[in-house]
Amino acid sequence: MKELPKVTRGVISDDINNTQSIFYGNNRSYNKDDLSIVKKINNIFASKNHVYKSRVKIDYKDHSEEKVIVGKTNTNLITIDGELINILYIIDITKI
């Protein structure tokens, strides 16, 4: 039978810190303005005055419009006419 080589154990005198922090990420970048717009939209839909539709004024970078919104997805607002409005393009939104 073959004899196995001898293995010696080394002494570790330093603290070992090899843990890694947990990281969660996604592809979309958010800034504070995006989050406040989403918060405003959620407040409009959570309002007790919003039953089926809400009339809002939407400000874009170069113009503003009055629309009647009836729903939303993660990225779009849905108007009563079936139009999709991308939330990323909205600068401000207020209920009329």
N, C-alpha and C. Protein backbone atom coordinates (compact mmCIF):
# COMPACT_ATOMS: atom_id res chain seq x y z
N MET A 1 0.82 -1.16 0.00
CA MET A 1 0.00 0.00 0.00
C MET A 1 0.88 1.24 0.00
N LYS A 2 0.45 2.27 -0.79
CA LYS A 2 1.24 3.49 -0.85
C LYS A 2 1.01 4.32 0.40
N GLU A 3 2.06 4.97 0.81
CA GLU A 3 1.95 5.84 1.97
C GLU A 3 1.61 7.25 1.49
N LEU A 4 0.62 7.87 2.12
CA LEU A 4 0.20 9.21 1.75
C LEU A 4 1.18 10.23 2.31
N PRO A 5 1.32 11.37 1.61
CA PRO A 5 2.24 12.38 2.12
C PRO A 5 1.73 13.00 3.42
N LYS A 6 2.65 13.45 4.23
CA LYS A 6 2.29 14.09 5.50
C LYS A 6 1.80 15.51 5.23
N VAL A 7 0.75 15.91 5.90
CA VAL A 7 0.18 17.24 5.77
C VAL A 7 0.29 17.92 7.12
N THR A 8 0.83 19.14 7.08
CA THR A 8 0.93 19.88 8.33
C THR A 8 -0.05 21.04 8.32
N ARG A 9 -0.52 21.36 9.45
CA ARG A 9 -1.48 22.45 9.58
C ARG A 9 -0.74 23.71 9.99
N GLY A 10 -0.98 24.80 9.25
CA GLY A 10 -0.37 26.07 9.59
C GLY A 10 -1.19 26.81 10.62
N VAL A 11 -0.56 27.68 11.34
CA VAL A 11 -1.24 28.46 12.37
C VAL A 11 -1.66 29.79 11.76
N ILE A 12 -2.94 30.15 11.95
CA ILE A 12 -3.46 31.42 11.44
C ILE A 12 -3.56 32.37 12.62
N SER A 13 -2.80 33.46 12.55
CA SER A 13 -2.77 34.40 13.66
C SER A 13 -3.65 35.63 13.41
N ASP A 14 -4.01 35.90 12.16
CA ASP A 14 -4.82 37.08 11.84
C ASP A 14 -6.30 36.71 11.80
N ASP A 15 -7.14 37.76 12.00
CA ASP A 15 -8.58 37.58 11.83
C ASP A 15 -8.88 37.44 10.35
N ILE A 16 -9.75 36.53 10.02
CA ILE A 16 -10.17 36.36 8.62
C ILE A 16 -11.56 36.93 8.49
N ASN A 17 -11.69 37.88 7.58
CA ASN A 17 -12.99 38.50 7.31
C ASN A 17 -13.27 38.34 5.83
N ASN A 18 -13.80 37.22 5.44
CA ASN A 18 -14.07 36.98 4.03
C ASN A 18 -15.57 36.94 3.73
N THR A 19 -16.37 37.62 4.54
CA THR A 19 -17.79 37.69 4.27
C THR A 19 -18.04 38.83 3.29
N GLN A 20 -19.08 38.70 2.50
CA GLN A 20 -19.40 39.70 1.50
C GLN A 20 -20.77 40.28 1.82
N SER A 21 -20.89 41.59 1.62
CA SER A 21 -22.19 42.22 1.82
C SER A 21 -23.15 41.76 0.74
N ILE A 22 -24.42 41.75 1.05
CA ILE A 22 -25.43 41.35 0.09
C ILE A 22 -25.71 42.52 -0.84
N PHE A 23 -25.84 42.25 -2.12
CA PHE A 23 -26.09 43.28 -3.11
C PHE A 23 -27.29 42.89 -3.95
N TYR A 24 -28.23 43.81 -4.07
CA TYR A 24 -29.38 43.62 -4.95
C TYR A 24 -29.33 44.74 -5.98
N GLY A 25 -29.58 44.43 -7.20
CA GLY A 25 -29.54 45.46 -8.23
C GLY A 25 -30.55 45.19 -9.33
N ASN A 26 -30.74 46.19 -10.17
CA ASN A 26 -31.57 46.04 -11.35
C ASN A 26 -31.02 46.93 -12.44
N ASN A 27 -31.62 46.85 -13.61
CA ASN A 27 -31.10 47.58 -14.76
C ASN A 27 -31.56 49.02 -14.83
N ARG A 28 -32.63 49.35 -14.15
CA ARG A 28 -33.16 50.71 -14.24
C ARG A 28 -32.56 51.57 -13.14
N SER A 29 -32.10 52.74 -13.50
CA SER A 29 -31.54 53.64 -12.49
C SER A 29 -32.63 54.63 -12.07
N TYR A 30 -32.71 54.89 -10.80
CA TYR A 30 -33.69 55.80 -10.25
C TYR A 30 -32.97 57.02 -9.68
N ASN A 31 -33.60 58.14 -9.78
CA ASN A 31 -33.13 59.29 -9.03
C ASN A 31 -34.28 59.77 -8.16
N LYS A 32 -34.05 60.75 -7.33
CA LYS A 32 -35.08 61.19 -6.39
C LYS A 32 -36.33 61.69 -7.09
N ASP A 33 -36.16 62.34 -8.26
CA ASP A 33 -37.31 62.87 -8.98
C ASP A 33 -38.22 61.75 -9.47
N ASP A 34 -37.62 60.65 -9.96
CA ASP A 34 -38.42 59.51 -10.42
C ASP A 34 -39.24 58.94 -9.27
N LEU A 35 -38.64 58.81 -8.11
CA LEU A 35 -39.35 58.22 -6.98
C LEU A 35 -40.47 59.14 -6.49
N SER A 36 -40.25 60.44 -6.53
CA SER A 36 -41.30 61.34 -6.07
C SER A 36 -42.46 61.35 -7.06
N ILE A 37 -42.19 61.20 -8.36
CA ILE A 37 -43.25 61.12 -9.35
C ILE A 37 -44.07 59.84 -9.13
N VAL A 38 -43.39 58.74 -8.90
CA VAL A 38 -44.09 57.47 -8.64
C VAL A 38 -44.92 57.59 -7.37
N LYS A 39 -44.38 58.27 -6.37
CA LYS A 39 -45.12 58.47 -5.12
C LYS A 39 -46.36 59.32 -5.36
N LYS A 40 -46.22 60.37 -6.18
CA LYS A 40 -47.37 61.22 -6.49
C LYS A 40 -48.44 60.44 -7.24
N ILE A 41 -48.01 59.61 -8.19
CA ILE A 41 -48.96 58.79 -8.95
C ILE A 41 -49.68 57.81 -8.03
N ASN A 42 -48.93 57.17 -7.15
CA ASN A 42 -49.55 56.23 -6.21
C ASN A 42 -50.53 56.93 -5.28
N ASN A 43 -50.20 58.16 -4.87
CA ASN A 43 -51.11 58.92 -4.01
C ASN A 43 -52.40 59.28 -4.75
N ILE A 44 -52.29 59.56 -6.06
CA ILE A 44 -53.49 59.87 -6.84
C ILE A 44 -54.40 58.65 -6.90
N PHE A 45 -53.82 57.48 -7.17
CA PHE A 45 -54.63 56.27 -7.27
C PHE A 45 -55.13 55.79 -5.90
N ALA A 46 -54.42 56.11 -4.83
CA ALA A 46 -54.84 55.69 -3.49
C ALA A 46 -55.83 56.66 -2.86
N SER A 47 -56.05 57.79 -3.49
CA SER A 47 -56.97 58.78 -2.95
C SER A 47 -58.39 58.23 -2.87
N LYS A 48 -59.12 58.66 -1.85
CA LYS A 48 -60.50 58.19 -1.72
C LYS A 48 -61.41 58.83 -2.77
N ASN A 49 -60.93 59.89 -3.42
CA ASN A 49 -61.70 60.53 -4.50
C ASN A 49 -61.52 59.81 -5.84
N HIS A 50 -60.51 58.95 -5.95
CA HIS A 50 -60.29 58.21 -7.19
C HIS A 50 -61.09 56.91 -7.14
N VAL A 51 -62.16 56.87 -7.92
CA VAL A 51 -62.97 55.67 -7.97
C VAL A 51 -62.62 54.88 -9.22
N TYR A 52 -62.71 55.51 -10.38
CA TYR A 52 -62.38 54.85 -11.62
C TYR A 52 -61.37 55.65 -12.43
N LYS A 53 -61.49 56.97 -12.38
CA LYS A 53 -60.63 57.81 -13.19
C LYS A 53 -60.29 59.09 -12.43
N SER A 54 -59.18 59.69 -12.81
CA SER A 54 -58.77 60.96 -12.22
C SER A 54 -58.27 61.88 -13.32
N ARG A 55 -58.66 63.12 -13.23
CA ARG A 55 -58.19 64.12 -14.19
C ARG A 55 -56.93 64.75 -13.62
N VAL A 56 -55.84 64.72 -14.42
CA VAL A 56 -54.55 65.20 -13.95
C VAL A 56 -53.92 66.13 -14.98
N LYS A 57 -53.00 66.95 -14.49
CA LYS A 57 -52.17 67.78 -15.36
C LYS A 57 -50.78 67.17 -15.32
N ILE A 58 -50.28 66.79 -16.49
CA ILE A 58 -48.97 66.15 -16.60
C ILE A 58 -48.01 67.14 -17.24
N ASP A 59 -46.91 67.44 -16.55
CA ASP A 59 -45.88 68.32 -17.08
C ASP A 59 -44.73 67.49 -17.62
N TYR A 60 -44.39 67.76 -18.88
CA TYR A 60 -43.24 67.13 -19.52
C TYR A 60 -42.11 68.14 -19.58
N LYS A 61 -41.03 67.76 -20.19
CA LYS A 61 -39.88 68.65 -20.30
C LYS A 61 -40.20 69.89 -21.13
N ASP A 62 -40.97 69.73 -22.19
CA ASP A 62 -41.22 70.85 -23.09
C ASP A 62 -42.67 71.32 -23.16
N HIS A 63 -43.62 70.59 -22.58
CA HIS A 63 -45.02 71.00 -22.60
C HIS A 63 -45.78 70.32 -21.46
N SER A 64 -47.05 70.69 -21.33
CA SER A 64 -47.90 70.05 -20.33
C SER A 64 -49.25 69.72 -20.96
N GLU A 65 -49.92 68.70 -20.41
CA GLU A 65 -51.19 68.24 -20.94
C GLU A 65 -52.13 67.91 -19.79
N GLU A 66 -53.42 67.98 -20.09
CA GLU A 66 -54.42 67.49 -19.16
C GLU A 66 -54.94 66.17 -19.69
N LYS A 67 -54.91 65.15 -18.85
CA LYS A 67 -55.35 63.82 -19.24
C LYS A 67 -56.25 63.24 -18.16
N VAL A 68 -57.02 62.23 -18.54
CA VAL A 68 -57.83 61.47 -17.60
C VAL A 68 -57.20 60.09 -17.50
N ILE A 69 -56.64 59.76 -16.33
CA ILE A 69 -55.95 58.49 -16.17
C ILE A 69 -56.87 57.50 -15.45
N VAL A 70 -56.78 56.24 -15.89
CA VAL A 70 -57.63 55.21 -15.30
C VAL A 70 -56.83 54.06 -14.70
N GLY A 71 -55.55 53.96 -15.04
CA GLY A 71 -54.75 52.86 -14.52
C GLY A 71 -53.27 53.10 -14.73
N LYS A 72 -52.48 52.15 -14.25
CA LYS A 72 -51.04 52.27 -14.41
C LYS A 72 -50.41 50.89 -14.43
N THR A 73 -49.25 50.82 -15.08
CA THR A 73 -48.40 49.65 -15.02
C THR A 73 -47.11 50.08 -14.34
N ASN A 74 -46.10 49.23 -14.36
CA ASN A 74 -44.83 49.61 -13.73
C ASN A 74 -44.17 50.77 -14.44
N THR A 75 -44.37 50.90 -15.74
CA THR A 75 -43.66 51.92 -16.51
C THR A 75 -44.56 52.93 -17.19
N ASN A 76 -45.87 52.70 -17.24
CA ASN A 76 -46.76 53.57 -17.99
C ASN A 76 -48.01 53.92 -17.20
N LEU A 77 -48.58 55.09 -17.54
CA LEU A 77 -49.92 55.45 -17.11
C LEU A 77 -50.88 55.15 -18.25
N ILE A 78 -52.09 54.73 -17.93
CA ILE A 78 -53.08 54.40 -18.94
C ILE A 78 -54.18 55.46 -18.87
N THR A 79 -54.46 56.09 -20.02
CA THR A 79 -55.51 57.11 -20.06
C THR A 79 -56.83 56.46 -20.42
N ILE A 80 -57.90 57.24 -20.32
CA ILE A 80 -59.23 56.73 -20.64
C ILE A 80 -59.36 56.42 -22.12
N ASP A 81 -58.52 57.06 -22.95
CA ASP A 81 -58.53 56.80 -24.40
C ASP A 81 -57.68 55.59 -24.78
N GLY A 82 -57.02 54.96 -23.82
CA GLY A 82 -56.17 53.82 -24.11
C GLY A 82 -54.73 54.19 -24.44
N GLU A 83 -54.40 55.44 -24.27
CA GLU A 83 -53.03 55.92 -24.56
C GLU A 83 -52.11 55.53 -23.40
N LEU A 84 -50.89 55.15 -23.72
CA LEU A 84 -49.89 54.83 -22.70
C LEU A 84 -48.93 56.01 -22.59
N ILE A 85 -48.70 56.48 -21.36
CA ILE A 85 -47.78 57.58 -21.09
C ILE A 85 -46.64 57.03 -20.26
N ASN A 86 -45.42 57.13 -20.78
CA ASN A 86 -44.25 56.62 -20.08
C ASN A 86 -43.96 57.49 -18.85
N ILE A 87 -43.83 56.87 -17.70
CA ILE A 87 -43.62 57.59 -16.45
C ILE A 87 -42.26 58.28 -16.43
N LEU A 88 -41.27 57.73 -17.14
CA LEU A 88 -39.94 58.34 -17.15
C LEU A 88 -39.93 59.73 -17.77
N TYR A 89 -40.87 60.03 -18.67
CA TYR A 89 -40.89 61.32 -19.35
C TYR A 89 -41.63 62.38 -18.55
N ILE A 90 -42.27 62.01 -17.46
CA ILE A 90 -43.07 62.95 -16.67
C ILE A 90 -42.17 63.70 -15.70
N ILE A 91 -42.27 65.03 -15.72
CA ILE A 91 -41.52 65.89 -14.79
C ILE A 91 -42.33 66.12 -13.52
N ASP A 92 -43.65 66.39 -13.69
CA ASP A 92 -44.52 66.62 -12.54
C ASP A 92 -45.94 66.20 -12.91
N ILE A 93 -46.70 65.81 -11.92
CA ILE A 93 -48.09 65.42 -12.13
C ILE A 93 -48.91 65.94 -10.94
N THR A 94 -50.04 66.59 -11.27
CA THR A 94 -50.92 67.10 -10.22
C THR A 94 -52.36 66.75 -10.58
N LYS A 95 -53.15 66.50 -9.55
CA LYS A 95 -54.57 66.18 -9.76
C LYS A 95 -55.34 67.48 -9.90
N ILE A 96 -56.24 67.52 -10.86
CA ILE A 96 -57.05 68.72 -11.11
C ILE A 96 -58.39 68.55 -10.41
